[in-house]
């Protein structure tokens, strides 16, 4: 089964940018052929969808509340999330997964927006 490992999180100040990465390795589904998505979960809240990129270089979608601040992209076995103009409400653990038929959730990568 393919493994998905998120990275790139950490501490960041409001208004700054951060780029998250989701690296796929191992055998199993070829991530380049499937729709992939980023999700996030803040303490005490349910996991919410952030953005999706379709397979085969298809179009992208993102949550309307993000107001275009986040951009999802992919290159072969790497799915990225560019986050610009971060706010306190963006603080959460971010996860990468297949949009449909998702794998078990990994550890994610923590993003802490703080001044």
PDB file of N, CA and C in Angstrom:
ATOM      1  N   UNK A   1       0.831  -1.189   0.000  1.00  0.00           N
ATOM      2  CA  UNK A   1       0.000   0.000   0.000  1.00  0.00           C
ATOM      3  C   UNK A   1       0.878   1.256   0.000  1.00  0.00           C
ATOM      4  N   UNK A   2       0.474   2.250  -0.743  1.00  0.00           N
ATOM      5  CA  UNK A   2       1.231   3.485  -0.812  1.00  0.00           C
ATOM      6  C   UNK A   2       1.193   4.199   0.539  1.00  0.00           C
ATOM      7  N   UNK A   3       2.303   4.837   0.876  1.00  0.00           N
ATOM      8  CA  UNK A   3       2.394   5.605   2.107  1.00  0.00           C
ATOM      9  C   UNK A   3       2.386   7.091   1.785  1.00  0.00           C
ATOM     10  N   UNK A   4       1.657   7.857   2.566  1.00  0.00           N
ATOM     11  CA  UNK A   4       1.592   9.303   2.412  1.00  0.00           C
ATOM     12  C   UNK A   4       2.157   9.947   3.665  1.00  0.00           C
ATOM     13  N   UNK A   5       3.141  10.798   3.487  1.00  0.00           N
ATOM     14  CA  UNK A   5       3.785  11.456   4.611  1.00  0.00           C
ATOM     15  C   UNK A   5       3.742  12.957   4.415  1.00  0.00           C
ATOM     16  N   UNK A   6       3.084  13.650   5.338  1.00  0.00           N
ATOM     17  CA  UNK A   6       2.988  15.100   5.285  1.00  0.00           C
ATOM     18  C   UNK A   6       4.189  15.731   5.978  1.00  0.00           C
ATOM     19  N   UNK A   7       4.595  16.879   5.487  1.00  0.00           N
ATOM     20  CA  UNK A   7       5.702  17.601   6.086  1.00  0.00           C
ATOM     21  C   UNK A   7       5.606  19.078   5.737  1.00  0.00           C
ATOM     22  N   UNK A   8       6.429  19.878   6.379  1.00  0.00           N
ATOM     23  CA  UNK A   8       6.505  21.296   6.072  1.00  0.00           C
ATOM     24  C   UNK A   8       5.870  22.216   7.088  1.00  0.00           C
ATOM     25  N   UNK A   9       5.169  21.664   8.063  1.00  0.00           N
ATOM     26  CA  UNK A   9       4.518  22.490   9.058  1.00  0.00           C
ATOM     27  C   UNK A   9       5.490  23.042  10.076  1.00  0.00           C
ATOM     28  N   UNK A  10       4.954  23.846  10.980  1.00  0.00           N
ATOM     29  CA  UNK A  10       5.759  24.459  12.014  1.00  0.00           C
ATOM     30  C   UNK A  10       5.133  25.747  12.490  1.00  0.00           C
ATOM     31  N   UNK A  11       5.931  26.550  13.151  1.00  0.00           N
ATOM     32  CA  UNK A  11       5.473  27.840  13.658  1.00  0.00           C
ATOM     33  C   UNK A  11       5.615  28.902  12.576  1.00  0.00           C
ATOM     34  N   UNK A  12       4.622  29.755  12.476  1.00  0.00           N
ATOM     35  CA  UNK A  12       4.639  30.815  11.488  1.00  0.00           C
ATOM     36  C   UNK A  12       3.833  31.998  12.014  1.00  0.00           C
ATOM     37  N   UNK A  13       4.238  33.204  11.638  1.00  0.00           N
ATOM     38  CA  UNK A  13       3.537  34.403  12.078  1.00  0.00           C
ATOM     39  C   UNK A  13       2.385  34.737  11.139  1.00  0.00           C
ATOM     40  N   UNK A  14       1.361  35.411  11.641  1.00  0.00           N
ATOM     41  CA  UNK A  14       0.248  35.819  10.778  1.00  0.00           C
ATOM     42  C   UNK A  14       0.743  36.636   9.595  1.00  0.00           C
ATOM     43  N   UNK A  15       0.152  36.382   8.440  1.00  0.00           N
ATOM     44  CA  UNK A  15       0.527  37.096   7.235  1.00  0.00           C
ATOM     45  C   UNK A  15       1.638  36.442   6.443  1.00  0.00           C
ATOM     46  N   UNK A  16       2.342  35.505   7.029  1.00  0.00           N
ATOM     47  CA  UNK A  16       3.424  34.827   6.337  1.00  0.00           C
ATOM     48  C   UNK A  16       2.902  33.652   5.522  1.00  0.00           C
ATOM     49  N   UNK A  17       3.792  33.018   4.786  1.00  0.00           N
ATOM     50  CA  UNK A  17       3.438  31.905   3.927  1.00  0.00           C
ATOM     51  C   UNK A  17       4.127  30.633   4.374  1.00  0.00           C
ATOM     52  N   UNK A  18       3.567  29.523   3.956  1.00  0.00           N
ATOM     53  CA  UNK A  18       4.126  28.221   4.282  1.00  0.00           C
ATOM     54  C   UNK A  18       3.696  27.234   3.209  1.00  0.00           C
ATOM     55  N   UNK A  19       4.585  26.313   2.882  1.00  0.00           N
ATOM     56  CA  UNK A  19       4.294  25.318   1.866  1.00  0.00           C
ATOM     57  C   UNK A  19       4.372  23.929   2.487  1.00  0.00           C
ATOM     58  N   UNK A  20       3.289  23.190   2.398  1.00  0.00           N
ATOM     59  CA  UNK A  20       3.219  21.835   2.909  1.00  0.00           C
ATOM     60  C   UNK A  20       3.421  20.839   1.778  1.00  0.00           C
ATOM     61  N   UNK A  21       3.994  19.692   2.116  1.00  0.00           N
ATOM     62  CA  UNK A  21       4.239  18.658   1.125  1.00  0.00           C
ATOM     63  C   UNK A  21       3.651  17.334   1.577  1.00  0.00           C
ATOM     64  N   UNK A  22       3.193  16.562   0.621  1.00  0.00           N
ATOM     65  CA  UNK A  22       2.683  15.218   0.847  1.00  0.00           C
ATOM     66  C   UNK A  22       3.421  14.301  -0.106  1.00  0.00           C
ATOM     67  N   UNK A  23       4.315  13.505   0.432  1.00  0.00           N
ATOM     68  CA  UNK A  23       5.140  12.625  -0.382  1.00  0.00           C
ATOM     69  C   UNK A  23       4.596  11.207  -0.352  1.00  0.00           C
ATOM     70  N   UNK A  24       4.455  10.619  -1.515  1.00  0.00           N
ATOM     71  CA  UNK A  24       3.976   9.252  -1.639  1.00  0.00           C
ATOM     72  C   UNK A  24       5.138   8.321  -1.929  1.00  0.00           C
ATOM     73  N   UNK A  25       5.114   7.175  -1.294  1.00  0.00           N
ATOM     74  CA  UNK A  25       6.155   6.186  -1.511  1.00  0.00           C
ATOM     75  C   UNK A  25       5.582   4.793  -1.334  1.00  0.00           C
ATOM     76  N   UNK A  26       6.338   3.806  -1.752  1.00  0.00           N
ATOM     77  CA  UNK A  26       5.897   2.436  -1.627  1.00  0.00           C
ATOM     78  C   UNK A  26       5.004   2.009  -2.780  1.00  0.00           C
ATOM     79  N   UNK A  27       4.555   0.788  -2.720  1.00  0.00           N
ATOM     80  CA  UNK A  27       3.703   0.234  -3.767  1.00  0.00           C
ATOM     81  C   UNK A  27       2.243   0.532  -3.497  1.00  0.00           C
ATOM     82  N   UNK A  28       1.429   0.350  -4.523  1.00  0.00           N
ATOM     83  CA  UNK A  28       0.011   0.598  -4.387  1.00  0.00           C
ATOM     84  C   UNK A  28      -0.482   1.574  -5.440  1.00  0.00           C
ATOM     85  N   UNK A  29      -1.500   2.314  -5.096  1.00  0.00           N
ATOM     86  CA  UNK A  29      -2.072   3.276  -6.025  1.00  0.00           C
ATOM     87  C   UNK A  29      -1.071   4.342  -6.436  1.00  0.00           C
ATOM     88  N   UNK A  30      -1.080   4.682  -7.697  1.00  0.00           N
ATOM     89  CA  UNK A  30      -0.253   5.752  -8.228  1.00  0.00           C
ATOM     90  C   UNK A  30      -0.999   7.061  -7.976  1.00  0.00           C
ATOM     91  N   UNK A  31      -0.467   7.890  -7.117  1.00  0.00           N
ATOM     92  CA  UNK A  31      -1.177   9.103  -6.719  1.00  0.00           C
ATOM     93  C   UNK A  31      -1.406  10.051  -7.881  1.00  0.00           C
ATOM     94  N   UNK A  32      -0.598   9.961  -8.922  1.00  0.00           N
ATOM     95  CA  UNK A  32      -0.762  10.847 -10.067  1.00  0.00           C
ATOM     96  C   UNK A  32      -2.050  10.577 -10.831  1.00  0.00           C
ATOM     97  N   UNK A  33      -2.654   9.425 -10.611  1.00  0.00           N
ATOM     98  CA  UNK A  33      -3.864   9.039 -11.326  1.00  0.00           C
ATOM     99  C   UNK A  33      -5.137   9.293 -10.526  1.00  0.00           C
ATOM    100  N   UNK A  34      -5.007   9.692  -9.282  1.00  0.00           N
ATOM    101  CA  UNK A  34      -6.155   9.857  -8.407  1.00  0.00           C
ATOM    102  C   UNK A  34      -6.290  11.280  -7.906  1.00  0.00           C
ATOM    103  N   UNK A  35      -7.525  11.657  -7.621  1.00  0.00           N
ATOM    104  CA  UNK A  35      -7.764  12.948  -6.997  1.00  0.00           C
ATOM    105  C   UNK A  35      -7.227  12.918  -5.571  1.00  0.00           C
ATOM    106  N   UNK A  36      -6.450  13.928  -5.238  1.00  0.00           N
ATOM    107  CA  UNK A  36      -5.873  14.034  -3.913  1.00  0.00           C
ATOM    108  C   UNK A  36      -6.402  15.275  -3.220  1.00  0.00           C
ATOM    109  N   UNK A  37      -6.384  15.242  -1.909  1.00  0.00           N
ATOM    110  CA  UNK A  37      -6.938  16.358  -1.156  1.00  0.00           C
ATOM    111  C   UNK A  37      -6.145  16.635   0.107  1.00  0.00           C
ATOM    112  N   UNK A  38      -6.203  17.871   0.534  1.00  0.00           N
ATOM    113  CA  UNK A  38      -5.681  18.293   1.820  1.00  0.00           C
ATOM    114  C   UNK A  38      -6.854  18.538   2.757  1.00  0.00           C
ATOM    115  N   UNK A  39      -6.682  18.150   3.997  1.00  0.00           N
ATOM    116  CA  UNK A  39      -7.655  18.366   5.055  1.00  0.00           C
ATOM    117  C   UNK A  39      -6.941  18.966   6.252  1.00  0.00           C
ATOM    118  N   UNK A  40      -7.710  19.512   7.169  1.00  0.00           N
ATOM    119  CA  UNK A  40      -7.113  20.019   8.395  1.00  0.00           C
ATOM    120  C   UNK A  40      -8.058  19.802   9.557  1.00  0.00           C
ATOM    121  N   UNK A  41      -7.492  19.712  10.738  1.00  0.00           N
ATOM    122  CA  UNK A  41      -8.273  19.504  11.936  1.00  0.00           C
ATOM    123  C   UNK A  41      -7.661  20.294  13.080  1.00  0.00           C
ATOM    124  N   UNK A  42      -8.452  21.183  13.627  1.00  0.00           N
ATOM    125  CA  UNK A  42      -8.036  21.962  14.783  1.00  0.00           C
ATOM    126  C   UNK A  42      -8.512  21.264  16.046  1.00  0.00           C
ATOM    127  N   UNK A  43      -7.863  21.527  17.162  1.00  0.00           N
ATOM    128  CA  UNK A  43      -8.271  20.899  18.422  1.00  0.00           C
ATOM    129  C   UNK A  43      -9.739  21.151  18.733  1.00  0.00           C
ATOM    130  N   UNK A  44     -10.456  20.085  19.079  1.00  0.00           N
ATOM    131  CA  UNK A  44     -11.857  20.212  19.427  1.00  0.00           C
ATOM    132  C   UNK A  44     -12.801  20.333  18.252  1.00  0.00           C
ATOM    133  N   UNK A  45     -12.284  20.257  17.039  1.00  0.00           N
ATOM    134  CA  UNK A  45     -13.110  20.370  15.851  1.00  0.00           C
ATOM    135  C   UNK A  45     -12.968  19.133  14.975  1.00  0.00           C
ATOM    136  N   UNK A  46     -13.943  18.946  14.093  1.00  0.00           N
ATOM    137  CA  UNK A  46     -13.882  17.839  13.155  1.00  0.00           C
ATOM    138  C   UNK A  46     -12.930  18.168  12.014  1.00  0.00           C
ATOM    139  N   UNK A  47     -12.440  17.127  11.374  1.00  0.00           N
ATOM    140  CA  UNK A  47     -11.594  17.318  10.219  1.00  0.00           C
ATOM    141  C   UNK A  47     -12.401  17.965   9.100  1.00  0.00           C
ATOM    142  N   UNK A  48     -11.819  18.948   8.447  1.00  0.00           N
ATOM    143  CA  UNK A  48     -12.505  19.632   7.372  1.00  0.00           C
ATOM    144  C   UNK A  48     -11.682  19.593   6.092  1.00  0.00           C
ATOM    145  N   UNK A  49     -12.364  19.605   4.987  1.00  0.00           N
ATOM    146  CA  UNK A  49     -11.732  19.597   3.691  1.00  0.00           C
ATOM    147  C   UNK A  49     -11.167  20.967   3.356  1.00  0.00           C
ATOM    148  N   UNK A  50      -9.992  20.987   2.765  1.00  0.00           N
ATOM    149  CA  UNK A  50      -9.329  22.234   2.413  1.00  0.00           C
ATOM    150  C   UNK A  50      -9.291  22.435   0.903  1.00  0.00           C
ATOM    151  N   UNK A  51      -8.757  21.457   0.188  1.00  0.00           N
ATOM    152  CA  UNK A  51      -8.599  21.602  -1.256  1.00  0.00           C
ATOM    153  C   UNK A  51      -8.433  20.242  -1.909  1.00  0.00           C
ATOM    154  N   UNK A  52      -8.761  20.170  -3.187  1.00  0.00           N
ATOM    155  CA  UNK A  52      -8.642  18.949  -3.967  1.00  0.00           C
ATOM    156  C   UNK A  52      -7.979  19.244  -5.302  1.00  0.00           C
ATOM    157  N   UNK A  53      -7.150  18.334  -5.740  1.00  0.00           N
ATOM    158  CA  UNK A  53      -6.605  18.399  -7.085  1.00  0.00           C
ATOM    159  C   UNK A  53      -6.946  17.089  -7.773  1.00  0.00           C
ATOM    160  N   UNK A  54      -7.526  17.180  -8.961  1.00  0.00           N
ATOM    161  CA  UNK A  54      -7.959  15.999  -9.679  1.00  0.00           C
ATOM    162  C   UNK A  54      -6.781  15.231 -10.245  1.00  0.00           C
ATOM    163  N   UNK A  55      -7.020  13.964 -10.566  1.00  0.00           N
ATOM    164  CA  UNK A  55      -5.969  13.138 -11.136  1.00  0.00           C
ATOM    165  C   UNK A  55      -5.663  13.510 -12.568  1.00  0.00           C
ATOM    166  N   UNK A  56      -4.489  13.089 -13.016  1.00  0.00           N
ATOM    167  CA  UNK A  56      -4.093  13.332 -14.392  1.00  0.00           C
ATOM    168  C   UNK A  56      -3.959  14.793 -14.763  1.00  0.00           C
ATOM    169  N   UNK A  57      -3.592  15.629 -13.818  1.00  0.00           N
ATOM    170  CA  UNK A  57      -3.414  17.045 -14.087  1.00  0.00           C
ATOM    171  C   UNK A  57      -4.705  17.813 -14.231  1.00  0.00           C
ATOM    172  N   UNK A  58      -5.765  17.297 -13.636  1.00  0.00           N
ATOM    173  CA  UNK A  58      -7.068  17.924 -13.709  1.00  0.00           C
ATOM    174  C   UNK A  58      -7.163  19.193 -12.889  1.00  0.00           C
ATOM    175  N   UNK A  59      -8.365  19.783 -12.862  1.00  0.00           N
ATOM    176  CA  UNK A  59      -8.570  21.051 -12.160  1.00  0.00           C
ATOM    177  C   UNK A  59      -8.502  20.895 -10.647  1.00  0.00           C
ATOM    178  N   UNK A  60      -8.487  22.037  -9.980  1.00  0.00           N
ATOM    179  CA  UNK A  60      -8.416  22.066  -8.528  1.00  0.00           C
ATOM    180  C   UNK A  60      -9.663  22.711  -7.948  1.00  0.00           C
ATOM    181  N   UNK A  61      -9.909  22.436  -6.681  1.00  0.00           N
ATOM    182  CA  UNK A  61     -10.999  23.032  -5.932  1.00  0.00           C
ATOM    183  C   UNK A  61     -10.481  23.358  -4.549  1.00  0.00           C
ATOM    184  N   UNK A  62     -11.006  24.402  -3.960  1.00  0.00           N
ATOM    185  CA  UNK A  62     -10.643  24.740  -2.599  1.00  0.00           C
ATOM    186  C   UNK A  62     -11.846  25.300  -1.876  1.00  0.00           C
ATOM    187  N   UNK A  63     -11.797  25.223  -0.560  1.00  0.00           N
ATOM    188  CA  UNK A  63     -12.897  25.707   0.250  1.00  0.00           C
ATOM    189  C   UNK A  63     -13.066  27.204   0.049  1.00  0.00           C
ATOM    190  N   UNK A  64     -14.297  27.614  -0.139  1.00  0.00           N
ATOM    191  CA  UNK A  64     -14.581  29.016  -0.437  1.00  0.00           C
ATOM    192  C   UNK A  64     -14.155  29.961   0.674  1.00  0.00           C
ATOM    193  N   UNK A  65     -14.132  29.489   1.899  1.00  0.00           N
ATOM    194  CA  UNK A  65     -13.756  30.335   3.018  1.00  0.00           C
ATOM    195  C   UNK A  65     -12.274  30.703   3.015  1.00  0.00           C
ATOM    196  N   UNK A  66     -11.473  29.995   2.239  1.00  0.00           N
ATOM    197  CA  UNK A  66     -10.048  30.290   2.169  1.00  0.00           C
ATOM    198  C   UNK A  66      -9.758  31.513   1.311  1.00  0.00           C
ATOM    199  N   UNK A  67     -10.722  31.926   0.522  1.00  0.00           N
ATOM    200  CA  UNK A  67     -10.642  33.141  -0.295  1.00  0.00           C
ATOM    201  C   UNK A  67      -9.400  33.180  -1.178  1.00  0.00           C
ATOM    202  N   UNK A  68      -9.048  32.034  -1.754  1.00  0.00           N
ATOM    203  CA  UNK A  68      -7.951  31.970  -2.688  1.00  0.00           C
ATOM    204  C   UNK A  68      -6.574  32.009  -2.077  1.00  0.00           C
ATOM    205  N   UNK A  69      -6.465  31.935  -0.765  1.00  0.00           N
ATOM    206  CA  UNK A  69      -5.162  32.019  -0.114  1.00  0.00           C
ATOM    207  C   UNK A  69      -4.347  30.739  -0.236  1.00  0.00           C
ATOM    208  N   UNK A  70      -5.022  29.617  -0.439  1.00  0.00           N
ATOM    209  CA  UNK A  70      -4.345  28.327  -0.525  1.00  0.00           C
ATOM    210  C   UNK A  70      -4.373  27.821  -1.961  1.00  0.00           C
ATOM    211  N   UNK A  71      -3.269  27.205  -2.383  1.00  0.00           N
ATOM    212  CA  UNK A  71      -3.160  26.653  -3.722  1.00  0.00           C
ATOM    213  C   UNK A  71      -2.620  25.231  -3.649  1.00  0.00           C
ATOM    214  N   UNK A  72      -3.365  24.283  -4.177  1.00  0.00           N
ATOM    215  CA  UNK A  72      -2.935  22.894  -4.199  1.00  0.00           C
ATOM    216  C   UNK A  72      -2.323  22.594  -5.560  1.00  0.00           C
ATOM    217  N   UNK A  73      -1.276  21.796  -5.561  1.00  0.00           N
ATOM    218  CA  UNK A  73      -0.614  21.422  -6.801  1.00  0.00           C
ATOM    219  C   UNK A  73      -0.013  20.035  -6.644  1.00  0.00           C
ATOM    220  N   UNK A  74       0.434  19.473  -7.754  1.00  0.00           N
ATOM    221  CA  UNK A  74       1.036  18.145  -7.694  1.00  0.00           C
ATOM    222  C   UNK A  74       2.105  17.995  -8.753  1.00  0.00           C
ATOM    223  N   UNK A  75       3.055  17.135  -8.465  1.00  0.00           N
ATOM    224  CA  UNK A  75       4.121  16.811  -9.397  1.00  0.00           C
ATOM    225  C   UNK A  75       4.500  15.364  -9.144  1.00  0.00           C
ATOM    226  N   UNK A  76       3.989  14.484 -10.010  1.00  0.00           N
ATOM    227  CA  UNK A  76       4.236  13.057  -9.904  1.00  0.00           C
ATOM    228  C   UNK A  76       3.747  12.502  -8.565  1.00  0.00           C
ATOM    229  N   UNK A  77       4.655  12.187  -7.648  1.00  0.00           N
ATOM    230  CA  UNK A  77       4.277  11.581  -6.383  1.00  0.00           C
ATOM    231  C   UNK A  77       4.282  12.568  -5.214  1.00  0.00           C
ATOM    232  N   UNK A  78       4.252  13.848  -5.524  1.00  0.00           N
ATOM    233  CA  UNK A  78       4.282  14.878  -4.498  1.00  0.00           C
ATOM    234  C   UNK A  78       3.086  15.808  -4.659  1.00  0.00           C
ATOM    235  N   UNK A  79       2.321  15.963  -3.600  1.00  0.00           N
ATOM    236  CA  UNK A  79       1.186  16.879  -3.580  1.00  0.00           C
ATOM    237  C   UNK A  79       1.493  17.989  -2.593  1.00  0.00           C
ATOM    238  N   UNK A  80       1.357  19.224  -3.031  1.00  0.00           N
ATOM    239  CA  UNK A  80       1.742  20.366  -2.215  1.00  0.00           C
ATOM    240  C   UNK A  80       0.558  21.265  -1.925  1.00  0.00           C
ATOM    241  N   UNK A  81       0.698  22.031  -0.864  1.00  0.00           N
ATOM    242  CA  UNK A  81      -0.298  23.036  -0.501  1.00  0.00           C
ATOM    243  C   UNK A  81       0.440  24.315  -0.155  1.00  0.00           C
ATOM    244  N   UNK A  82       0.318  25.299  -1.017  1.00  0.00           N
ATOM    245  CA  UNK A  82       0.907  26.601  -0.775  1.00  0.00           C
ATOM    246  C   UNK A  82      -0.088  27.447  -0.007  1.00  0.00           C
ATOM    247  N   UNK A  83       0.303  27.911   1.164  1.00  0.00           N
ATOM    248  CA  UNK A  83      -0.572  28.689   2.018  1.00  0.00           C
ATOM    249  C   UNK A  83       0.003  30.092   2.160  1.00  0.00           C
ATOM    250  N   UNK A  84      -0.776  31.070   1.764  1.00  0.00           N
ATOM    251  CA  UNK A  84      -0.351  32.459   1.814  1.00  0.00           C
ATOM    252  C   UNK A  84      -1.230  33.253   2.774  1.00  0.00           C
ATOM    253  N   UNK A  85      -0.666  34.333   3.288  1.00  0.00           N
ATOM    254  CA  UNK A  85      -1.400  35.229   4.187  1.00  0.00           C
ATOM    255  C   UNK A  85      -2.109  34.456   5.291  1.00  0.00           C
ATOM    256  N   UNK A  86      -1.344  33.681   6.012  1.00  0.00           N
ATOM    257  CA  UNK A  86      -1.905  32.839   7.061  1.00  0.00           C
ATOM    258  C   UNK A  86      -2.503  33.649   8.193  1.00  0.00           C
ATOM    259  N   UNK A  87      -3.559  33.109   8.776  1.00  0.00           N
ATOM    260  CA  UNK A  87      -4.239  33.729   9.900  1.00  0.00           C
ATOM    261  C   UNK A  87      -4.279  32.758  11.069  1.00  0.00           C
ATOM    262  N   UNK A  88      -4.667  33.268  12.223  1.00  0.00           N
ATOM    263  CA  UNK A  88      -4.744  32.425  13.413  1.00  0.00           C
ATOM    264  C   UNK A  88      -5.676  31.237  13.206  1.00  0.00           C
ATOM    265  N   UNK A  89      -6.745  31.427  12.448  1.00  0.00           N
ATOM    266  CA  UNK A  89      -7.724  30.369  12.226  1.00  0.00           C
ATOM    267  C   UNK A  89      -7.206  29.250  11.331  1.00  0.00           C
ATOM    268  N   UNK A  90      -6.050  29.450  10.727  1.00  0.00           N
ATOM    269  CA  UNK A  90      -5.452  28.402   9.908  1.00  0.00           C
ATOM    270  C   UNK A  90      -4.667  27.399  10.748  1.00  0.00           C
ATOM    271  N   UNK A  91      -4.498  27.664  12.012  1.00  0.00           N
ATOM    272  CA  UNK A  91      -3.779  26.742  12.885  1.00  0.00           C
ATOM    273  C   UNK A  91      -4.524  25.418  12.975  1.00  0.00           C
ATOM    274  N   UNK A  92      -3.842  24.336  12.655  1.00  0.00           N
ATOM    275  CA  UNK A  92      -4.450  23.015  12.655  1.00  0.00           C
ATOM    276  C   UNK A  92      -3.395  21.987  12.267  1.00  0.00           C
ATOM    277  N   UNK A  93      -3.766  20.730  12.384  1.00  0.00           N
ATOM    278  CA  UNK A  93      -2.956  19.662  11.834  1.00  0.00           C
ATOM    279  C   UNK A  93      -3.465  19.383  10.432  1.00  0.00           C
ATOM    280  N   UNK A  94      -2.576  19.412   9.468  1.00  0.00           N
ATOM    281  CA  UNK A  94      -2.956  19.250   8.070  1.00  0.00           C
ATOM    282  C   UNK A  94      -2.635  17.840   7.595  1.00  0.00           C
ATOM    283  N   UNK A  95      -3.589  17.255   6.881  1.00  0.00           N
ATOM    284  CA  UNK A  95      -3.467  15.890   6.399  1.00  0.00           C
ATOM    285  C   UNK A  95      -3.645  15.829   4.890  1.00  0.00           C
ATOM    286  N   UNK A  96      -2.965  14.891   4.294  1.00  0.00           N
ATOM    287  CA  UNK A  96      -3.102  14.612   2.872  1.00  0.00           C
ATOM    288  C   UNK A  96      -3.696  13.223   2.708  1.00  0.00           C
ATOM    289  N   UNK A  97      -4.581  13.061   1.732  1.00  0.00           N
ATOM    290  CA  UNK A  97      -5.164  11.758   1.491  1.00  0.00           C
ATOM    291  C   UNK A  97      -5.832  11.723   0.123  1.00  0.00           C
ATOM    292  N   UNK A  98      -6.164  10.528  -0.315  1.00  0.00           N
ATOM    293  CA  UNK A  98      -6.967  10.382  -1.516  1.00  0.00           C
ATOM    294  C   UNK A  98      -8.344  10.969  -1.247  1.00  0.00           C
ATOM    295  N   UNK A  99      -8.906  11.666  -2.232  1.00  0.00           N
ATOM    296  CA  UNK A  99     -10.206  12.290  -2.031  1.00  0.00           C
ATOM    297  C   UNK A  99     -11.292  11.244  -1.806  1.00  0.00           C
ATOM    298  N   UNK A 100     -11.216  10.158  -2.533  1.00  0.00           N
ATOM    299  CA  UNK A 100     -12.136   9.045  -2.355  1.00  0.00           C
ATOM    300  C   UNK A 100     -11.332   7.795  -2.044  1.00  0.00           C
ATOM    301  N   UNK A 101     -11.969   6.867  -1.351  1.00  0.00           N
ATOM    302  CA  UNK A 101     -11.286   5.665  -0.885  1.00  0.00           C
ATOM    303  C   UNK A 101      -9.988   6.041  -0.172  1.00  0.00           C
ATOM    304  N   UNK A 102     -10.075   6.876   0.848  1.00  0.00           N
ATOM    305  CA  UNK A 102      -8.876   7.347   1.536  1.00  0.00           C
ATOM    306  C   UNK A 102      -8.186   6.241   2.321  1.00  0.00           C
ATOM    307  N   UNK A 103      -6.904   6.421   2.514  1.00  0.00           N
ATOM    308  CA  UNK A 103      -6.132   5.537   3.362  1.00  0.00           C
ATOM    309  C   UNK A 103      -6.405   5.899   4.813  1.00  0.00           C
ATOM    310  N   UNK A 104      -5.906   5.084   5.710  1.00  0.00           N
ATOM    311  CA  UNK A 104      -5.997   5.452   7.112  1.00  0.00           C
ATOM    312  C   UNK A 104      -5.213   6.749   7.307  1.00  0.00           C
ATOM    313  N   UNK A 105      -5.693   7.592   8.191  1.00  0.00           N
ATOM    314  CA  UNK A 105      -5.081   8.904   8.382  1.00  0.00           C
ATOM    315  C   UNK A 105      -3.721   8.795   9.041  1.00  0.00           C
ATOM    316  N   UNK A 106      -2.777   9.547   8.512  1.00  0.00           N
ATOM    317  CA  UNK A 106      -1.433   9.554   9.050  1.00  0.00           C
ATOM    318  C   UNK A 106      -1.294  10.539  10.187  1.00  0.00           C
ATOM    319  N   UNK A 107      -0.055  10.899  10.478  1.00  0.00           N
ATOM    320  CA  UNK A 107       0.188  11.810  11.593  1.00  0.00           C
ATOM    321  C   UNK A 107      -0.033  13.270  11.217  1.00  0.00           C
ATOM    322  N   UNK A 108      -0.039  13.566   9.937  1.00  0.00           N
ATOM    323  CA  UNK A 108      -0.227  14.940   9.504  1.00  0.00           C
ATOM    324  C   UNK A 108       0.970  15.811   9.833  1.00  0.00           C
ATOM    325  N   UNK A 109       0.815  17.101   9.567  1.00  0.00           N
ATOM    326  CA  UNK A 109       1.852  18.057   9.915  1.00  0.00           C
ATOM    327  C   UNK A 109       1.192  19.261  10.577  1.00  0.00           C
ATOM    328  N   UNK A 110       1.731  19.676  11.704  1.00  0.00           N
ATOM    329  CA  UNK A 110       1.127  20.724  12.513  1.00  0.00           C
ATOM    330  C   UNK A 110       1.522  22.104  12.010  1.00  0.00           C
ATOM    331  N   UNK A 111       0.525  22.952  11.857  1.00  0.00           N
ATOM    332  CA  UNK A 111       0.739  24.349  11.492  1.00  0.00           C
ATOM    333  C   UNK A 111       0.235  25.210  12.638  1.00  0.00           C
ATOM    334  N   UNK A 112       1.118  26.000  13.202  1.00  0.00           N
ATOM    335  CA  UNK A 112       0.760  26.872  14.312  1.00  0.00           C
ATOM    336  C   UNK A 112       1.017  28.313  13.916  1.00  0.00           C
ATOM    337  N   UNK A 113      -0.058  29.065  13.743  1.00  0.00           N
ATOM    338  CA  UNK A 113       0.037  30.475  13.385  1.00  0.00           C
ATOM    339  C   UNK A 113      -0.092  31.280  14.667  1.00  0.00           C
ATOM    340  N   UNK A 114       0.964  31.959  15.018  1.00  0.00           N
ATOM    341  CA  UNK A 114       0.991  32.694  16.278  1.00  0.00           C
ATOM    342  C   UNK A 114       1.901  33.893  16.159  1.00  0.00           C
ATOM    343  N   UNK A 115       1.527  34.957  16.846  1.00  0.00           N
ATOM    344  CA  UNK A 115       2.352  36.154  16.900  1.00  0.00           C
ATOM    345  C   UNK A 115       3.187  36.184  18.162  1.00  0.00           C
TER     346      UNK A 115
END
